[in-house]
Amino acid sequence: MKQFINLYTDELKPIVLRLSLARSLVVAVALAILLLVAWIVLKSLASERQATADEMNQQLQQLQQQQTQLQAQVQQKSPNQQLIDQSDKLSRQIQQQMELN
């Protein structure tokens, strides 16, 4: 009967590298590509948001100018004298009716 003796100890077993140089390079390149794609996407989103903000600011300025123009028009309007006379006449009639009662 033959007997086998294992003379290999853990120290003599070959070390298996779980992360070799080639794998490290692949991971680094993949990470760099992922970061580049994320940067491009974020830059695109930021430029879209900036364009939207610029457009909204332009609309706001136009509306403010329109508001200023309308306020100037309102201030330039003088009351209609005919309506004032009619209002005074009606007020006098109401006053006379109240005095009669």
N, C-alpha and C. Protein backbone atom coordinates (compact mmCIF):
# COMPACT_ATOMS: atom_id res chain seq x y z
N MET A 1 0.83 -1.15 0.00
CA MET A 1 0.00 0.00 0.00
C MET A 1 0.89 1.24 0.00
N LYS A 2 0.53 2.13 -0.92
CA LYS A 2 1.32 3.35 -1.05
C LYS A 2 0.69 4.45 -0.22
N GLN A 3 1.51 5.21 0.34
CA GLN A 3 1.04 6.36 1.10
C GLN A 3 1.64 7.62 0.50
N PHE A 4 0.82 8.64 0.45
CA PHE A 4 1.28 9.93 -0.08
C PHE A 4 1.36 10.94 1.05
N ILE A 5 2.39 11.68 0.98
CA ILE A 5 2.57 12.74 1.97
C ILE A 5 2.58 14.06 1.22
N ASN A 6 1.81 14.97 1.68
CA ASN A 6 1.75 16.30 1.07
C ASN A 6 2.82 17.17 1.71
N LEU A 7 3.86 17.44 0.93
CA LEU A 7 4.95 18.25 1.45
C LEU A 7 4.76 19.74 1.16
N TYR A 8 3.72 20.07 0.44
CA TYR A 8 3.46 21.48 0.13
C TYR A 8 2.75 22.14 1.31
N THR A 9 3.33 23.14 1.77
CA THR A 9 2.69 23.93 2.82
C THR A 9 2.07 25.16 2.16
N ASP A 10 1.33 25.92 2.94
CA ASP A 10 0.69 27.12 2.39
C ASP A 10 1.73 28.11 1.89
N GLU A 11 2.89 28.09 2.47
CA GLU A 11 3.94 29.02 2.05
C GLU A 11 4.48 28.67 0.67
N LEU A 12 4.42 27.43 0.31
CA LEU A 12 4.97 27.00 -0.97
C LEU A 12 3.96 27.06 -2.11
N LYS A 13 2.70 27.22 -1.80
CA LYS A 13 1.69 27.28 -2.84
C LYS A 13 1.85 28.60 -3.60
N PRO A 14 1.59 28.59 -4.90
CA PRO A 14 1.73 29.83 -5.67
C PRO A 14 0.64 30.84 -5.26
N ILE A 15 1.04 32.07 -5.25
CA ILE A 15 0.11 33.13 -4.88
C ILE A 15 -0.72 33.49 -6.12
N VAL A 16 -2.01 33.45 -5.97
CA VAL A 16 -2.91 33.78 -7.08
C VAL A 16 -3.31 35.25 -6.89
N LEU A 17 -2.95 36.04 -7.87
CA LEU A 17 -3.31 37.45 -7.82
C LEU A 17 -4.75 37.60 -8.29
N ARG A 18 -5.56 38.13 -7.45
CA ARG A 18 -6.96 38.32 -7.83
C ARG A 18 -7.10 39.54 -8.74
N LEU A 19 -6.25 40.52 -8.56
CA LEU A 19 -6.31 41.73 -9.38
C LEU A 19 -4.93 41.91 -10.02
N SER A 20 -4.81 41.38 -11.21
CA SER A 20 -3.54 41.47 -11.91
C SER A 20 -3.39 42.85 -12.54
N LEU A 21 -2.24 43.08 -13.12
CA LEU A 21 -1.97 44.37 -13.76
C LEU A 21 -2.94 44.60 -14.93
N ALA A 22 -3.17 43.57 -15.70
CA ALA A 22 -4.08 43.70 -16.85
C ALA A 22 -5.50 44.03 -16.37
N ARG A 23 -5.94 43.34 -15.34
CA ARG A 23 -7.27 43.62 -14.81
C ARG A 23 -7.34 45.03 -14.22
N SER A 24 -6.28 45.44 -13.57
CA SER A 24 -6.24 46.79 -13.00
C SER A 24 -6.35 47.83 -14.10
N LEU A 25 -5.65 47.61 -15.22
CA LEU A 25 -5.72 48.55 -16.33
C LEU A 25 -7.12 48.58 -16.93
N VAL A 26 -7.73 47.42 -17.08
CA VAL A 26 -9.08 47.36 -17.64
C VAL A 26 -10.05 48.11 -16.73
N VAL A 27 -9.94 47.90 -15.43
CA VAL A 27 -10.82 48.59 -14.48
C VAL A 27 -10.57 50.09 -14.53
N ALA A 28 -9.31 50.51 -14.60
CA ALA A 28 -8.98 51.93 -14.64
C ALA A 28 -9.52 52.58 -15.92
N VAL A 29 -9.35 51.91 -17.05
CA VAL A 29 -9.85 52.45 -18.32
C VAL A 29 -11.38 52.51 -18.31
N ALA A 30 -12.02 51.47 -17.80
CA ALA A 30 -13.49 51.46 -17.73
C ALA A 30 -13.98 52.59 -16.82
N LEU A 31 -13.31 52.79 -15.71
CA LEU A 31 -13.69 53.86 -14.80
C LEU A 31 -13.48 55.23 -15.45
N ALA A 32 -12.38 55.39 -16.18
CA ALA A 32 -12.12 56.65 -16.87
C ALA A 32 -13.19 56.92 -17.93
N ILE A 33 -13.56 55.89 -18.68
CA ILE A 33 -14.60 56.04 -19.70
C ILE A 33 -15.94 56.39 -19.04
N LEU A 34 -16.26 55.73 -17.95
CA LEU A 34 -17.50 56.01 -17.24
C LEU A 34 -17.52 57.45 -16.73
N LEU A 35 -16.42 57.92 -16.17
CA LEU A 35 -16.35 59.30 -15.70
C LEU A 35 -16.46 60.28 -16.86
N LEU A 36 -15.85 59.97 -17.99
CA LEU A 36 -15.92 60.85 -19.15
C LEU A 36 -17.36 60.95 -19.67
N VAL A 37 -18.03 59.82 -19.76
CA VAL A 37 -19.43 59.82 -20.22
C VAL A 37 -20.31 60.60 -19.24
N ALA A 38 -20.10 60.39 -17.95
CA ALA A 38 -20.88 61.12 -16.94
C ALA A 38 -20.62 62.62 -17.05
N TRP A 39 -19.38 63.01 -17.27
CA TRP A 39 -19.04 64.43 -17.39
C TRP A 39 -19.71 65.04 -18.62
N ILE A 40 -19.69 64.31 -19.74
CA ILE A 40 -20.32 64.81 -20.97
C ILE A 40 -21.83 64.98 -20.78
N VAL A 41 -22.46 64.00 -20.15
CA VAL A 41 -23.91 64.07 -19.92
C VAL A 41 -24.24 65.24 -19.00
N LEU A 42 -23.49 65.38 -17.92
CA LEU A 42 -23.75 66.48 -16.98
C LEU A 42 -23.50 67.83 -17.63
N LYS A 43 -22.47 67.92 -18.45
CA LYS A 43 -22.18 69.18 -19.15
C LYS A 43 -23.33 69.52 -20.10
N SER A 44 -23.85 68.52 -20.79
CA SER A 44 -24.97 68.73 -21.71
C SER A 44 -26.21 69.20 -20.95
N LEU A 45 -26.50 68.55 -19.83
CA LEU A 45 -27.65 68.96 -19.02
C LEU A 45 -27.48 70.38 -18.49
N ALA A 46 -26.27 70.71 -18.08
CA ALA A 46 -26.02 72.06 -17.56
C ALA A 46 -26.21 73.11 -18.65
N SER A 47 -25.75 72.80 -19.86
CA SER A 47 -25.91 73.77 -20.95
C SER A 47 -27.39 73.93 -21.32
N GLU A 48 -28.15 72.84 -21.29
CA GLU A 48 -29.59 72.93 -21.55
C GLU A 48 -30.29 73.78 -20.49
N ARG A 49 -29.92 73.55 -19.24
CA ARG A 49 -30.52 74.33 -18.15
C ARG A 49 -30.15 75.80 -18.27
N GLN A 50 -28.90 76.07 -18.66
CA GLN A 50 -28.46 77.45 -18.82
C GLN A 50 -29.22 78.13 -19.95
N ALA A 51 -29.43 77.39 -21.05
CA ALA A 51 -30.19 77.95 -22.17
C ALA A 51 -31.63 78.25 -21.75
N THR A 52 -32.23 77.34 -20.98
CA THR A 52 -33.59 77.57 -20.49
C THR A 52 -33.63 78.78 -19.57
N ALA A 53 -32.64 78.89 -18.69
CA ALA A 53 -32.60 80.04 -17.77
C ALA A 53 -32.43 81.35 -18.54
N ASP A 54 -31.58 81.34 -19.56
CA ASP A 54 -31.39 82.55 -20.37
C ASP A 54 -32.68 82.94 -21.08
N GLU A 55 -33.38 81.95 -21.60
CA GLU A 55 -34.65 82.21 -22.28
C GLU A 55 -35.68 82.78 -21.30
N MET A 56 -35.74 82.21 -20.11
CA MET A 56 -36.68 82.71 -19.10
C MET A 56 -36.33 84.14 -18.67
N ASN A 57 -35.04 84.43 -18.54
CA ASN A 57 -34.62 85.78 -18.18
C ASN A 57 -35.00 86.78 -19.26
N GLN A 58 -34.86 86.36 -20.51
CA GLN A 58 -35.24 87.23 -21.62
C GLN A 58 -36.75 87.50 -21.59
N GLN A 59 -37.54 86.46 -21.36
CA GLN A 59 -38.98 86.64 -21.27
C GLN A 59 -39.35 87.55 -20.10
N LEU A 60 -38.64 87.39 -18.98
CA LEU A 60 -38.90 88.23 -17.82
C LEU A 60 -38.61 89.69 -18.13
N GLN A 61 -37.51 89.94 -18.81
CA GLN A 61 -37.17 91.31 -19.17
C GLN A 61 -38.23 91.91 -20.11
N GLN A 62 -38.69 91.11 -21.06
CA GLN A 62 -39.73 91.59 -21.98
C GLN A 62 -41.02 91.92 -21.22
N LEU A 63 -41.38 91.06 -20.28
CA LEU A 63 -42.60 91.31 -19.51
C LEU A 63 -42.45 92.53 -18.61
N GLN A 64 -41.26 92.72 -18.06
CA GLN A 64 -41.03 93.91 -17.24
C GLN A 64 -41.10 95.18 -18.07
N GLN A 65 -40.56 95.13 -19.29
CA GLN A 65 -40.66 96.28 -20.17
C GLN A 65 -42.11 96.56 -20.54
N GLN A 66 -42.85 95.50 -20.81
CA GLN A 66 -44.27 95.66 -21.15
C GLN A 66 -45.03 96.24 -19.96
N GLN A 67 -44.72 95.78 -18.76
CA GLN A 67 -45.37 96.30 -17.56
C GLN A 67 -45.06 97.79 -17.39
N THR A 68 -43.81 98.16 -17.60
CA THR A 68 -43.41 99.57 -17.48
C THR A 68 -44.16 100.42 -18.50
N GLN A 69 -44.28 99.93 -19.72
CA GLN A 69 -45.01 100.67 -20.76
C GLN A 69 -46.48 100.83 -20.39
N LEU A 70 -47.08 99.76 -19.90
CA LEU A 70 -48.49 99.82 -19.53
C LEU A 70 -48.71 100.76 -18.34
N GLN A 71 -47.79 100.75 -17.39
CA GLN A 71 -47.92 101.66 -16.26
C GLN A 71 -47.80 103.11 -16.73
N ALA A 72 -46.91 103.35 -17.67
CA ALA A 72 -46.76 104.71 -18.21
C ALA A 72 -48.04 105.13 -18.93
N GLN A 73 -48.64 104.20 -19.67
CA GLN A 73 -49.89 104.51 -20.37
C GLN A 73 -51.00 104.82 -19.38
N VAL A 74 -51.06 104.07 -18.29
CA VAL A 74 -52.09 104.30 -17.29
C VAL A 74 -51.90 105.67 -16.65
N GLN A 75 -50.68 106.03 -16.37
CA GLN A 75 -50.41 107.33 -15.74
C GLN A 75 -50.72 108.49 -16.69
N GLN A 76 -50.56 108.25 -17.98
CA GLN A 76 -50.83 109.30 -18.95
C GLN A 76 -52.32 109.49 -19.21
N LYS A 77 -53.09 108.49 -18.91
CA LYS A 77 -54.53 108.58 -19.15
C LYS A 77 -55.13 109.59 -18.17
N SER A 78 -55.93 110.48 -18.72
CA SER A 78 -56.65 111.42 -17.85
C SER A 78 -58.09 110.94 -17.76
N PRO A 79 -58.73 111.19 -16.64
CA PRO A 79 -60.11 110.72 -16.50
C PRO A 79 -61.02 111.40 -17.51
N ASN A 80 -61.99 110.67 -17.96
CA ASN A 80 -62.95 111.18 -18.94
C ASN A 80 -63.88 112.18 -18.23
N GLN A 81 -63.88 113.41 -18.71
CA GLN A 81 -64.66 114.48 -18.08
C GLN A 81 -66.16 114.18 -18.14
N GLN A 82 -66.60 113.58 -19.20
CA GLN A 82 -68.03 113.25 -19.34
C GLN A 82 -68.45 112.26 -18.25
N LEU A 83 -67.58 111.27 -17.98
CA LEU A 83 -67.91 110.30 -16.94
C LEU A 83 -67.89 110.95 -15.56
N ILE A 84 -66.98 111.88 -15.36
CA ILE A 84 -66.92 112.58 -14.07
C ILE A 84 -68.20 113.40 -13.87
N ASP A 85 -68.63 114.10 -14.91
CA ASP A 85 -69.86 114.90 -14.82
C ASP A 85 -71.06 114.01 -14.54
N GLN A 86 -71.11 112.88 -15.22
CA GLN A 86 -72.22 111.95 -15.02
C GLN A 86 -72.21 111.41 -13.59
N SER A 87 -71.03 111.09 -13.08
CA SER A 87 -70.92 110.59 -11.71
C SER A 87 -71.37 111.65 -10.71
N ASP A 88 -70.96 112.90 -10.93
CA ASP A 88 -71.38 113.99 -10.04
C ASP A 88 -72.89 114.17 -10.08
N LYS A 89 -73.47 114.09 -11.26
CA LYS A 89 -74.91 114.25 -11.43
C LYS A 89 -75.65 113.16 -10.66
N LEU A 90 -75.17 111.91 -10.80
CA LEU A 90 -75.81 110.80 -10.09
C LEU A 90 -75.64 110.95 -8.58
N SER A 91 -74.51 111.42 -8.16
CA SER A 91 -74.29 111.63 -6.72
C SER A 91 -75.25 112.68 -6.18
N ARG A 92 -75.47 113.75 -6.94
CA ARG A 92 -76.41 114.80 -6.51
C ARG A 92 -77.83 114.25 -6.44
N GLN A 93 -78.20 113.44 -7.43
CA GLN A 93 -79.54 112.86 -7.44
C GLN A 93 -79.74 111.95 -6.22
N ILE A 94 -78.72 111.17 -5.91
CA ILE A 94 -78.81 110.29 -4.75
C ILE A 94 -78.94 111.12 -3.48
N GLN A 95 -78.15 112.17 -3.39
CA GLN A 95 -78.20 113.05 -2.23
C GLN A 95 -79.58 113.70 -2.09
N GLN A 96 -80.16 114.13 -3.19
CA GLN A 96 -81.49 114.75 -3.17
C GLN A 96 -82.55 113.74 -2.74
N GLN A 97 -82.43 112.51 -3.23
CA GLN A 97 -83.38 111.47 -2.84
C GLN A 97 -83.28 111.19 -1.34
N MET A 98 -82.07 111.19 -0.83
CA MET A 98 -81.89 110.93 0.59
C MET A 98 -82.46 112.08 1.43
N GLU A 99 -82.35 113.29 0.92
CA GLU A 99 -82.89 114.45 1.65
C GLU A 99 -84.41 114.42 1.66
N LEU A 100 -85.00 113.94 0.58
CA LEU A 100 -86.46 113.87 0.52
C LEU A 100 -87.00 112.80 1.46
N ASN A 101 -86.28 111.78 1.67
CA ASN A 101 -86.75 110.69 2.53
C ASN A 101 -86.44 111.01 3.93
